[in-house]
């Protein structure tokens, strides 16, 4: 990993959703991509976020996440209502 001061990490994380959705100006995207080249931690957060978004968009028929993993994820994200809906 390239040494850097992580000053931009917080700003990057604040723009992560817009970056993934392609809603940022190209100059800001280039700045983020340059930061990602030297920051393993931010790359992990970006990749994990993208993968999570992909998993959320998978239809139940396509779902490849085992039920126990899905339940633990929902509990961790405090989405218990999705696991145990009330009538």
PDB file of N, CA and C in Angstrom:
ATOM      1  N   UNK A   1       0.841  -1.183   0.000  1.00  0.00           N
ATOM      2  CA  UNK A   1       0.000   0.000   0.000  1.00  0.00           C
ATOM      3  C   UNK A   1       0.881   1.239   0.000  1.00  0.00           C
ATOM      4  N   UNK A   2       0.503   2.195  -0.766  1.00  0.00           N
ATOM      5  CA  UNK A   2       1.212   3.462  -0.814  1.00  0.00           C
ATOM      6  C   UNK A   2       0.922   4.229   0.466  1.00  0.00           C
ATOM      7  N   UNK A   3       1.976   4.807   1.049  1.00  0.00           N
ATOM      8  CA  UNK A   3       1.775   5.597   2.261  1.00  0.00           C
ATOM      9  C   UNK A   3       1.074   6.899   1.908  1.00  0.00           C
ATOM     10  N   UNK A   4       0.059   7.228   2.684  1.00  0.00           N
ATOM     11  CA  UNK A   4      -0.583   8.526   2.586  1.00  0.00           C
ATOM     12  C   UNK A   4      -1.195   8.844   3.939  1.00  0.00           C
ATOM     13  N   UNK A   5      -1.662  10.048   4.099  1.00  0.00           N
ATOM     14  CA  UNK A   5      -2.088  10.507   5.415  1.00  0.00           C
ATOM     15  C   UNK A   5      -3.556  10.221   5.729  1.00  0.00           C
ATOM     16  N   UNK A   6      -4.284   9.622   4.827  1.00  0.00           N
ATOM     17  CA  UNK A   6      -5.694   9.288   5.025  1.00  0.00           C
ATOM     18  C   UNK A   6      -6.574  10.511   5.269  1.00  0.00           C
ATOM     19  N   UNK A   7      -6.097  11.679   4.929  1.00  0.00           N
ATOM     20  CA  UNK A   7      -6.914  12.892   5.104  1.00  0.00           C
ATOM     21  C   UNK A   7      -8.156  12.857   4.216  1.00  0.00           C
ATOM     22  N   UNK A   8      -8.041  12.228   3.073  1.00  0.00           N
ATOM     23  CA  UNK A   8      -9.151  12.218   2.120  1.00  0.00           C
ATOM     24  C   UNK A   8     -10.119  11.060   2.330  1.00  0.00           C
ATOM     25  N   UNK A   9      -9.811  10.134   3.208  1.00  0.00           N
ATOM     26  CA  UNK A   9     -10.650   8.954   3.404  1.00  0.00           C
ATOM     27  C   UNK A   9     -12.069   9.335   3.822  1.00  0.00           C
ATOM     28  N   UNK A  10     -12.191  10.210   4.787  1.00  0.00           N
ATOM     29  CA  UNK A  10     -13.514  10.593   5.273  1.00  0.00           C
ATOM     30  C   UNK A  10     -14.324  11.279   4.173  1.00  0.00           C
ATOM     31  N   UNK A  11     -13.685  12.136   3.411  1.00  0.00           N
ATOM     32  CA  UNK A  11     -14.373  12.811   2.311  1.00  0.00           C
ATOM     33  C   UNK A  11     -14.795  11.801   1.249  1.00  0.00           C
ATOM     34  N   UNK A  12     -13.927  10.839   0.955  1.00  0.00           N
ATOM     35  CA  UNK A  12     -14.264   9.817  -0.019  1.00  0.00           C
ATOM     36  C   UNK A  12     -15.474   9.020   0.455  1.00  0.00           C
ATOM     37  N   UNK A  13     -15.475   8.607   1.698  1.00  0.00           N
ATOM     38  CA  UNK A  13     -16.585   7.814   2.214  1.00  0.00           C
ATOM     39  C   UNK A  13     -17.884   8.604   2.195  1.00  0.00           C
ATOM     40  N   UNK A  14     -17.799   9.914   2.365  1.00  0.00           N
ATOM     41  CA  UNK A  14     -18.987  10.754   2.308  1.00  0.00           C
ATOM     42  C   UNK A  14     -19.559  10.867   0.903  1.00  0.00           C
ATOM     43  N   UNK A  15     -18.731  10.631  -0.109  1.00  0.00           N
ATOM     44  CA  UNK A  15     -19.160  10.719  -1.503  1.00  0.00           C
ATOM     45  C   UNK A  15     -19.310   9.351  -2.157  1.00  0.00           C
ATOM     46  N   UNK A  16     -19.166   8.307  -1.377  1.00  0.00           N
ATOM     47  CA  UNK A  16     -19.120   6.957  -1.927  1.00  0.00           C
ATOM     48  C   UNK A  16     -20.384   6.588  -2.697  1.00  0.00           C
ATOM     49  N   UNK A  17     -21.531   6.870  -2.144  1.00  0.00           N
ATOM     50  CA  UNK A  17     -22.787   6.513  -2.799  1.00  0.00           C
ATOM     51  C   UNK A  17     -22.918   7.213  -4.145  1.00  0.00           C
ATOM     52  N   UNK A  18     -22.631   8.504  -4.172  1.00  0.00           N
ATOM     53  CA  UNK A  18     -22.720   9.263  -5.419  1.00  0.00           C
ATOM     54  C   UNK A  18     -21.688   8.771  -6.427  1.00  0.00           C
ATOM     55  N   UNK A  19     -20.515   8.379  -5.934  1.00  0.00           N
ATOM     56  CA  UNK A  19     -19.469   7.852  -6.820  1.00  0.00           C
ATOM     57  C   UNK A  19     -19.939   6.547  -7.469  1.00  0.00           C
ATOM     58  N   UNK A  20     -20.465   5.643  -6.663  1.00  0.00           N
ATOM     59  CA  UNK A  20     -20.939   4.357  -7.175  1.00  0.00           C
ATOM     60  C   UNK A  20     -22.072   4.563  -8.173  1.00  0.00           C
ATOM     61  N   UNK A  21     -22.953   5.506  -7.886  1.00  0.00           N
ATOM     62  CA  UNK A  21     -24.101   5.768  -8.763  1.00  0.00           C
ATOM     63  C   UNK A  21     -23.742   6.580  -9.999  1.00  0.00           C
ATOM     64  N   UNK A  22     -22.485   7.026 -10.102  1.00  0.00           N
ATOM     65  CA  UNK A  22     -22.051   7.805 -11.259  1.00  0.00           C
ATOM     66  C   UNK A  22     -22.598   9.216 -11.279  1.00  0.00           C
ATOM     67  N   UNK A  23     -22.838   9.774 -10.094  1.00  0.00           N
ATOM     68  CA  UNK A  23     -23.448  11.099  -9.990  1.00  0.00           C
ATOM     69  C   UNK A  23     -22.452  12.224  -9.699  1.00  0.00           C
ATOM     70  N   UNK A  24     -21.174  11.914  -9.688  1.00  0.00           N
ATOM     71  CA  UNK A  24     -20.169  12.936  -9.386  1.00  0.00           C
ATOM     72  C   UNK A  24     -19.543  13.471 -10.664  1.00  0.00           C
ATOM     73  N   UNK A  25     -19.078  14.714 -10.613  1.00  0.00           N
ATOM     74  CA  UNK A  25     -18.358  15.266 -11.773  1.00  0.00           C
ATOM     75  C   UNK A  25     -17.097  14.444 -12.056  1.00  0.00           C
ATOM     76  N   UNK A  26     -16.692  14.409 -13.313  1.00  0.00           N
ATOM     77  CA  UNK A  26     -15.554  13.572 -13.711  1.00  0.00           C
ATOM     78  C   UNK A  26     -14.259  13.942 -12.987  1.00  0.00           C
ATOM     79  N   UNK A  27     -14.051  15.231 -12.704  1.00  0.00           N
ATOM     80  CA  UNK A  27     -12.821  15.615 -12.009  1.00  0.00           C
ATOM     81  C   UNK A  27     -12.794  15.051 -10.585  1.00  0.00           C
ATOM     82  N   UNK A  28     -13.944  15.023  -9.929  1.00  0.00           N
ATOM     83  CA  UNK A  28     -14.003  14.456  -8.586  1.00  0.00           C
ATOM     84  C   UNK A  28     -13.844  12.935  -8.644  1.00  0.00           C
ATOM     85  N   UNK A  29     -14.389  12.304  -9.671  1.00  0.00           N
ATOM     86  CA  UNK A  29     -14.210  10.860  -9.851  1.00  0.00           C
ATOM     87  C   UNK A  29     -12.736  10.520 -10.022  1.00  0.00           C
ATOM     88  N   UNK A  30     -12.028  11.309 -10.811  1.00  0.00           N
ATOM     89  CA  UNK A  30     -10.593  11.087 -11.005  1.00  0.00           C
ATOM     90  C   UNK A  30      -9.836  11.241  -9.693  1.00  0.00           C
ATOM     91  N   UNK A  31     -10.215  12.223  -8.892  1.00  0.00           N
ATOM     92  CA  UNK A  31      -9.569  12.432  -7.589  1.00  0.00           C
ATOM     93  C   UNK A  31      -9.812  11.222  -6.681  1.00  0.00           C
ATOM     94  N   UNK A  32     -11.035  10.729  -6.669  1.00  0.00           N
ATOM     95  CA  UNK A  32     -11.369   9.554  -5.846  1.00  0.00           C
ATOM     96  C   UNK A  32     -10.600   8.337  -6.339  1.00  0.00           C
ATOM     97  N   UNK A  33     -10.556   8.136  -7.646  1.00  0.00           N
ATOM     98  CA  UNK A  33      -9.842   6.996  -8.197  1.00  0.00           C
ATOM     99  C   UNK A  33      -8.351   7.052  -7.889  1.00  0.00           C
ATOM    100  N   UNK A  34      -7.791   8.245  -7.907  1.00  0.00           N
ATOM    101  CA  UNK A  34      -6.379   8.398  -7.540  1.00  0.00           C
ATOM    102  C   UNK A  34      -6.186   8.025  -6.073  1.00  0.00           C
ATOM    103  N   UNK A  35      -7.101   8.457  -5.218  1.00  0.00           N
ATOM    104  CA  UNK A  35      -7.025   8.107  -3.809  1.00  0.00           C
ATOM    105  C   UNK A  35      -7.126   6.590  -3.632  1.00  0.00           C
ATOM    106  N   UNK A  36      -8.049   5.968  -4.351  1.00  0.00           N
ATOM    107  CA  UNK A  36      -8.252   4.525  -4.234  1.00  0.00           C
ATOM    108  C   UNK A  36      -7.021   3.725  -4.641  1.00  0.00           C
ATOM    109  N   UNK A  37      -6.237   4.268  -5.568  1.00  0.00           N
ATOM    110  CA  UNK A  37      -5.005   3.592  -5.992  1.00  0.00           C
ATOM    111  C   UNK A  37      -4.043   3.401  -4.826  1.00  0.00           C
ATOM    112  N   UNK A  38      -4.061   4.333  -3.879  1.00  0.00           N
ATOM    113  CA  UNK A  38      -3.098   4.284  -2.789  1.00  0.00           C
ATOM    114  C   UNK A  38      -3.689   3.936  -1.438  1.00  0.00           C
ATOM    115  N   UNK A  39      -4.966   3.583  -1.396  1.00  0.00           N
ATOM    116  CA  UNK A  39      -5.591   3.330  -0.096  1.00  0.00           C
ATOM    117  C   UNK A  39      -6.346   2.001  -0.112  1.00  0.00           C
ATOM    118  N   UNK A  40      -5.713   0.980   0.415  1.00  0.00           N
ATOM    119  CA  UNK A  40      -6.334  -0.343   0.470  1.00  0.00           C
ATOM    120  C   UNK A  40      -7.627  -0.325   1.272  1.00  0.00           C
ATOM    121  N   UNK A  41      -7.650   0.402   2.365  1.00  0.00           N
ATOM    122  CA  UNK A  41      -8.839   0.430   3.212  1.00  0.00           C
ATOM    123  C   UNK A  41     -10.047   0.989   2.468  1.00  0.00           C
ATOM    124  N   UNK A  42      -9.864   2.073   1.756  1.00  0.00           N
ATOM    125  CA  UNK A  42     -10.979   2.671   1.019  1.00  0.00           C
ATOM    126  C   UNK A  42     -11.425   1.770  -0.133  1.00  0.00           C
ATOM    127  N   UNK A  43     -10.470   1.074  -0.757  1.00  0.00           N
ATOM    128  CA  UNK A  43     -10.838   0.129  -1.821  1.00  0.00           C
ATOM    129  C   UNK A  43     -11.698  -0.999  -1.255  1.00  0.00           C
ATOM    130  N   UNK A  44     -11.355  -1.484  -0.074  1.00  0.00           N
ATOM    131  CA  UNK A  44     -12.148  -2.541   0.562  1.00  0.00           C
ATOM    132  C   UNK A  44     -13.560  -2.033   0.849  1.00  0.00           C
ATOM    133  N   UNK A  45     -13.663  -0.818   1.385  1.00  0.00           N
ATOM    134  CA  UNK A  45     -14.986  -0.249   1.675  1.00  0.00           C
ATOM    135  C   UNK A  45     -15.785  -0.099   0.380  1.00  0.00           C
ATOM    136  N   UNK A  46     -15.161   0.411  -0.661  1.00  0.00           N
ATOM    137  CA  UNK A  46     -15.835   0.584  -1.945  1.00  0.00           C
ATOM    138  C   UNK A  46     -16.311  -0.758  -2.495  1.00  0.00           C
ATOM    139  N   UNK A  47     -15.434  -1.740  -2.525  1.00  0.00           N
ATOM    140  CA  UNK A  47     -15.792  -3.046  -3.077  1.00  0.00           C
ATOM    141  C   UNK A  47     -16.872  -3.729  -2.247  1.00  0.00           C
ATOM    142  N   UNK A  48     -16.788  -3.609  -0.942  1.00  0.00           N
ATOM    143  CA  UNK A  48     -17.799  -4.205  -0.064  1.00  0.00           C
ATOM    144  C   UNK A  48     -19.148  -3.519  -0.270  1.00  0.00           C
ATOM    145  N   UNK A  49     -19.135  -2.216  -0.389  1.00  0.00           N
ATOM    146  CA  UNK A  49     -20.377  -1.473  -0.618  1.00  0.00           C
ATOM    147  C   UNK A  49     -20.998  -1.864  -1.951  1.00  0.00           C
ATOM    148  N   UNK A  50     -20.179  -1.945  -2.998  1.00  0.00           N
ATOM    149  CA  UNK A  50     -20.693  -2.348  -4.305  1.00  0.00           C
ATOM    150  C   UNK A  50     -21.291  -3.746  -4.249  1.00  0.00           C
ATOM    151  N   UNK A  51     -20.602  -4.650  -3.587  1.00  0.00           N
ATOM    152  CA  UNK A  51     -21.087  -6.037  -3.489  1.00  0.00           C
ATOM    153  C   UNK A  51     -22.392  -6.096  -2.696  1.00  0.00           C
ATOM    154  N   UNK A  52     -22.484  -5.314  -1.641  1.00  0.00           N
ATOM    155  CA  UNK A  52     -23.707  -5.268  -0.840  1.00  0.00           C
ATOM    156  C   UNK A  52     -24.867  -4.760  -1.681  1.00  0.00           C
ATOM    157  N   UNK A  53     -24.633  -3.715  -2.447  1.00  0.00           N
ATOM    158  CA  UNK A  53     -25.670  -3.177  -3.327  1.00  0.00           C
ATOM    159  C   UNK A  53     -26.097  -4.241  -4.343  1.00  0.00           C
ATOM    160  N   UNK A  54     -25.125  -4.936  -4.907  1.00  0.00           N
ATOM    161  CA  UNK A  54     -25.446  -5.996  -5.863  1.00  0.00           C
ATOM    162  C   UNK A  54     -26.312  -7.077  -5.216  1.00  0.00           C
ATOM    163  N   UNK A  55     -25.980  -7.463  -3.991  1.00  0.00           N
ATOM    164  CA  UNK A  55     -26.742  -8.498  -3.293  1.00  0.00           C
ATOM    165  C   UNK A  55     -28.169  -8.051  -3.003  1.00  0.00           C
ATOM    166  N   UNK A  56     -28.336  -6.784  -2.670  1.00  0.00           N
ATOM    167  CA  UNK A  56     -29.672  -6.266  -2.371  1.00  0.00           C
ATOM    168  C   UNK A  56     -30.546  -6.305  -3.618  1.00  0.00           C
ATOM    169  N   UNK A  57     -29.953  -6.104  -4.778  1.00  0.00           N
ATOM    170  CA  UNK A  57     -30.723  -6.056  -6.022  1.00  0.00           C
ATOM    171  C   UNK A  57     -31.000  -7.433  -6.624  1.00  0.00           C
ATOM    172  N   UNK A  58     -30.435  -8.477  -6.065  1.00  0.00           N
ATOM    173  CA  UNK A  58     -30.677  -9.817  -6.575  1.00  0.00           C
ATOM    174  C   UNK A  58     -32.076 -10.255  -6.154  1.00  0.00           C
ATOM    175  N   UNK A  59     -32.833 -10.769  -7.089  1.00  0.00           N
ATOM    176  CA  UNK A  59     -34.171 -11.263  -6.762  1.00  0.00           C
ATOM    177  C   UNK A  59     -34.046 -12.531  -5.920  1.00  0.00           C
ATOM    178  N   UNK A  60     -35.081 -12.860  -5.138  1.00  0.00           N
ATOM    179  CA  UNK A  60     -35.009 -14.063  -4.291  1.00  0.00           C
ATOM    180  C   UNK A  60     -34.678 -15.327  -5.092  1.00  0.00           C
ATOM    181  N   UNK A  61     -35.124 -15.415  -6.330  1.00  0.00           N
ATOM    182  CA  UNK A  61     -34.830 -16.587  -7.146  1.00  0.00           C
ATOM    183  C   UNK A  61     -33.341 -16.677  -7.484  1.00  0.00           C
ATOM    184  N   UNK A  62     -32.689 -15.527  -7.552  1.00  0.00           N
ATOM    185  CA  UNK A  62     -31.265 -15.484  -7.890  1.00  0.00           C
ATOM    186  C   UNK A  62     -30.381 -15.469  -6.655  1.00  0.00           C
ATOM    187  N   UNK A  63     -30.965 -15.384  -5.496  1.00  0.00           N
ATOM    188  CA  UNK A  63     -30.212 -15.197  -4.256  1.00  0.00           C
ATOM    189  C   UNK A  63     -29.234 -16.346  -4.033  1.00  0.00           C
ATOM    190  N   UNK A  64     -27.983 -15.971  -3.826  1.00  0.00           N
ATOM    191  CA  UNK A  64     -26.944 -16.964  -3.596  1.00  0.00           C
ATOM    192  C   UNK A  64     -26.403 -16.892  -2.176  1.00  0.00           C
ATOM    193  N   UNK A  65     -26.920 -15.963  -1.392  1.00  0.00           N
ATOM    194  CA  UNK A  65     -26.459 -15.817  -0.016  1.00  0.00           C
ATOM    195  C   UNK A  65     -27.195 -16.852   0.839  1.00  0.00           C
ATOM    196  N   UNK A  66     -26.464 -17.692   1.545  1.00  0.00           N
ATOM    197  CA  UNK A  66     -27.127 -18.674   2.407  1.00  0.00           C
ATOM    198  C   UNK A  66     -28.018 -17.981   3.436  1.00  0.00           C
ATOM    199  N   UNK A  67     -29.118 -18.629   3.792  1.00  0.00           N
ATOM    200  CA  UNK A  67     -30.084 -18.032   4.711  1.00  0.00           C
ATOM    201  C   UNK A  67     -29.453 -17.591   6.030  1.00  0.00           C
ATOM    202  N   UNK A  68     -28.553 -18.404   6.589  1.00  0.00           N
ATOM    203  CA  UNK A  68     -27.956 -18.037   7.876  1.00  0.00           C
ATOM    204  C   UNK A  68     -27.087 -16.784   7.745  1.00  0.00           C
ATOM    205  N   UNK A  69     -26.397 -16.635   6.631  1.00  0.00           N
ATOM    206  CA  UNK A  69     -25.567 -15.437   6.400  1.00  0.00           C
ATOM    207  C   UNK A  69     -26.472 -14.226   6.223  1.00  0.00           C
ATOM    208  N   UNK A  70     -27.541 -14.400   5.458  1.00  0.00           N
ATOM    209  CA  UNK A  70     -28.497 -13.316   5.248  1.00  0.00           C
ATOM    210  C   UNK A  70     -29.091 -12.860   6.574  1.00  0.00           C
ATOM    211  N   UNK A  71     -29.476 -13.794   7.436  1.00  0.00           N
ATOM    212  CA  UNK A  71     -30.059 -13.450   8.734  1.00  0.00           C
ATOM    213  C   UNK A  71     -29.061 -12.690   9.601  1.00  0.00           C
ATOM    214  N   UNK A  72     -27.815 -13.149   9.622  1.00  0.00           N
ATOM    215  CA  UNK A  72     -26.796 -12.452  10.425  1.00  0.00           C
ATOM    216  C   UNK A  72     -26.568 -11.042   9.900  1.00  0.00           C
ATOM    217  N   UNK A  73     -26.540 -10.882   8.573  1.00  0.00           N
ATOM    218  CA  UNK A  73     -26.351  -9.565   7.964  1.00  0.00           C
ATOM    219  C   UNK A  73     -27.495  -8.647   8.339  1.00  0.00           C
ATOM    220  N   UNK A  74     -28.731  -9.115   8.202  1.00  0.00           N
ATOM    221  CA  UNK A  74     -29.883  -8.290   8.526  1.00  0.00           C
ATOM    222  C   UNK A  74     -29.899  -7.918  10.003  1.00  0.00           C
ATOM    223  N   UNK A  75     -29.542  -8.847  10.874  1.00  0.00           N
ATOM    224  CA  UNK A  75     -29.491  -8.531  12.310  1.00  0.00           C
ATOM    225  C   UNK A  75     -28.422  -7.482  12.582  1.00  0.00           C
ATOM    226  N   UNK A  76     -27.282  -7.650  11.929  1.00  0.00           N
ATOM    227  CA  UNK A  76     -26.182  -6.698  12.117  1.00  0.00           C
ATOM    228  C   UNK A  76     -26.576  -5.309  11.629  1.00  0.00           C
ATOM    229  N   UNK A  77     -27.330  -5.267  10.543  1.00  0.00           N
ATOM    230  CA  UNK A  77     -27.786  -3.998   9.990  1.00  0.00           C
ATOM    231  C   UNK A  77     -29.066  -3.509  10.651  1.00  0.00           C
ATOM    232  N   UNK A  78     -29.517  -4.275  11.653  1.00  0.00           N
ATOM    233  CA  UNK A  78     -30.722  -3.948  12.408  1.00  0.00           C
ATOM    234  C   UNK A  78     -31.944  -3.891  11.489  1.00  0.00           C
ATOM    235  N   UNK A  79     -32.035  -4.873  10.618  1.00  0.00           N
ATOM    236  CA  UNK A  79     -33.166  -4.992   9.710  1.00  0.00           C
ATOM    237  C   UNK A  79     -34.018  -6.198  10.105  1.00  0.00           C
ATOM    238  N   UNK A  80     -34.147  -6.421  11.399  1.00  0.00           N
ATOM    239  CA  UNK A  80     -34.886  -7.573  11.898  1.00  0.00           C
ATOM    240  C   UNK A  80     -36.314  -7.617  11.385  1.00  0.00           C
ATOM    241  N   UNK A  81     -36.921  -6.469  11.089  1.00  0.00           N
ATOM    242  CA  UNK A  81     -38.298  -6.445  10.598  1.00  0.00           C
ATOM    243  C   UNK A  81     -38.439  -7.214   9.284  1.00  0.00           C
ATOM    244  N   UNK A  82     -37.371  -7.250   8.493  1.00  0.00           N
ATOM    245  CA  UNK A  82     -37.422  -8.007   7.241  1.00  0.00           C
ATOM    246  C   UNK A  82     -37.363  -9.502   7.511  1.00  0.00           C
ATOM    247  N   UNK A  83     -36.714  -9.892   8.602  1.00  0.00           N
ATOM    248  CA  UNK A  83     -36.624 -11.302   8.939  1.00  0.00           C
ATOM    249  C   UNK A  83     -37.903 -11.809   9.589  1.00  0.00           C
ATOM    250  N   UNK A  84     -38.508 -10.992  10.420  1.00  0.00           N
ATOM    251  CA  UNK A  84     -39.688 -11.379  11.176  1.00  0.00           C
ATOM    252  C   UNK A  84     -40.781 -10.323  11.027  1.00  0.00           C
ATOM    253  N   UNK A  85     -41.402 -10.256   9.865  1.00  0.00           N
ATOM    254  CA  UNK A  85     -42.441  -9.226   9.674  1.00  0.00           C
ATOM    255  C   UNK A  85     -43.621  -9.467  10.597  1.00  0.00           C
ATOM    256  N   UNK A  86     -44.168  -8.385  11.111  1.00  0.00           N
ATOM    257  CA  UNK A  86     -45.348  -8.466  11.988  1.00  0.00           C
ATOM    258  C   UNK A  86     -46.606  -8.435  11.129  1.00  0.00           C
ATOM    259  N   UNK A  87     -47.641  -9.207  11.507  1.00  0.00           N
ATOM    260  CA  UNK A  87     -48.878  -9.229  10.712  1.00  0.00           C
ATOM    261  C   UNK A  87     -49.625  -7.917  10.776  1.00  0.00           C
TER     262      UNK A  87
END
